[in-house]
Amino acid sequence: MKKWVMLAGLTLCSMSALAKGDLKAGEEKAVMCVACHGATGKVSVPLYPNLAGQNEEYLAHALHAYKKGERSGGQAEIMKAYVSGLSDSDIDNLAAWYASQKP
């Protein structure tokens, strides 16, 4: 019985780690990304990456890296300017929304 209680507790604690961002908030925040990444994360200009259907954790990690200045080259400086004002939850919401789009 003790093992089951412990397992249930660990499961509940890990649920927040599995929680996704708010899709609606992500869609609203993505308005600033449309010019380069398209309305749903599918680009029409090959210079920019498609974001639709990408892994949510990867997208969040990439946005945090741009914000911290850990990425360079290409469009990194432009991305840094765009993400500099995003909160952690904004980033989570954007990542969740783009991940939910069909590639």
Protein backbone atom coordinates (compact mmCIF):
# COMPACT_ATOMS: atom_id res chain seq x y z
CA MET A 1 0.00 0.00 0.00
CA LYS A 2 2.82 2.35 0.89
CA LYS A 3 4.36 1.85 -2.56
CA TRP A 4 1.08 2.78 -4.27
CA VAL A 5 0.71 5.96 -2.25
CA MET A 6 4.27 6.93 -3.08
CA LEU A 7 3.75 6.14 -6.77
CA ALA A 8 0.54 8.20 -6.85
CA GLY A 9 2.33 11.12 -5.20
CA LEU A 10 5.19 11.00 -7.69
CA THR A 11 2.73 10.82 -10.57
CA LEU A 12 0.86 13.89 -9.34
CA CYS A 13 4.09 15.82 -8.85
CA SER A 14 5.26 15.02 -12.37
CA MET A 15 1.97 16.11 -13.95
CA SER A 16 2.97 19.77 -13.86
CA ALA A 17 6.15 18.90 -15.74
CA LEU A 18 4.01 17.31 -18.45
CA ALA A 19 1.57 20.21 -18.61
CA LYS A 20 1.55 22.03 -21.90
CA GLY A 21 1.27 25.73 -22.45
CA ASP A 22 -1.99 27.49 -23.19
CA LEU A 23 -2.74 26.97 -26.90
CA LYS A 24 -5.03 29.99 -27.20
CA ALA A 25 -2.50 32.29 -25.54
CA GLY A 26 0.21 30.83 -27.78
CA GLU A 27 -1.85 31.49 -30.88
CA GLU A 28 -2.40 35.10 -29.80
CA LYS A 29 1.31 35.59 -29.07
CA ALA A 30 2.28 33.99 -32.41
CA VAL A 31 0.94 37.02 -34.29
CA MET A 32 4.41 38.54 -33.99
CA CYS A 33 5.95 35.46 -35.66
CA VAL A 34 3.72 35.37 -38.76
CA ALA A 35 5.91 37.51 -41.02
CA CYS A 36 8.74 34.96 -40.98
CA HIS A 37 7.17 31.69 -39.84
CA GLY A 38 3.75 31.89 -41.50
CA ALA A 39 0.28 32.00 -39.96
CA THR A 40 0.43 28.41 -38.68
CA GLY A 41 4.17 27.86 -38.54
CA LYS A 42 4.55 26.80 -42.19
CA VAL A 43 6.82 29.13 -44.11
CA SER A 44 6.65 30.24 -47.71
CA VAL A 45 10.26 31.50 -47.70
CA PRO A 46 12.86 28.73 -47.28
CA LEU A 47 15.19 31.03 -45.33
CA TYR A 48 13.05 30.53 -42.21
CA PRO A 49 12.31 27.23 -40.45
CA ASN A 50 8.89 25.62 -40.26
CA LEU A 51 7.70 25.53 -36.65
CA ALA A 52 4.45 23.63 -37.15
CA GLY A 53 4.55 20.19 -35.57
CA GLN A 54 8.00 20.64 -34.04
CA ASN A 55 8.72 19.09 -30.65
CA GLU A 56 7.32 21.36 -27.92
CA GLU A 57 10.28 20.96 -25.58
CA TYR A 58 12.71 21.71 -28.40
CA LEU A 59 10.83 24.87 -29.37
CA ALA A 60 10.77 26.12 -25.77
CA HIS A 61 14.46 25.32 -25.35
CA ALA A 62 15.32 27.14 -28.60
CA LEU A 63 13.33 30.23 -27.62
CA HIS A 64 15.01 30.35 -24.20
CA ALA A 65 18.41 29.98 -25.88
CA TYR A 66 17.67 32.89 -28.22
CA LYS A 67 16.52 34.99 -25.28
CA LYS A 68 19.72 34.24 -23.32
CA GLY A 69 21.90 34.96 -26.36
CA GLU A 70 23.11 31.36 -26.51
CA ARG A 71 22.44 31.05 -30.24
CA SER A 72 24.38 32.86 -32.92
CA GLY A 73 24.53 33.09 -36.67
CA GLY A 74 21.73 33.23 -39.17
CA GLN A 75 18.78 35.14 -37.83
CA ALA A 76 19.81 34.80 -34.15
CA GLU A 77 20.01 38.54 -33.48
CA ILE A 78 16.58 39.09 -34.98
CA MET A 79 15.14 36.23 -32.91
CA LYS A 80 16.80 37.58 -29.77
CA ALA A 81 15.07 40.92 -30.32
CA TYR A 82 11.69 39.23 -30.82
CA VAL A 83 11.90 36.96 -27.77
CA SER A 84 13.59 39.37 -25.37
CA GLY A 85 10.24 40.53 -23.99
CA LEU A 86 8.65 37.09 -23.69
CA SER A 87 7.97 35.60 -20.28
CA ASP A 88 8.59 31.93 -19.53
CA SER A 89 4.87 31.26 -19.86
CA ASP A 90 4.75 33.14 -23.19
CA ILE A 91 7.50 30.82 -24.44
CA ASP A 92 5.68 27.74 -23.15
CA ASN A 93 2.47 28.91 -24.80
CA LEU A 94 4.16 29.57 -28.15
CA ALA A 95 5.93 26.22 -28.05
CA ALA A 96 2.69 24.40 -27.26
CA TRP A 97 0.78 26.17 -30.02
CA TYR A 98 3.37 25.57 -32.75
CA ALA A 99 3.80 21.94 -31.64
CA SER A 100 0.03 21.44 -31.96
CA GLN A 101 -0.03 22.60 -35.61
CA LYS A 102 0.07 20.10 -38.48
CA PRO A 103 3.47 20.08 -40.21
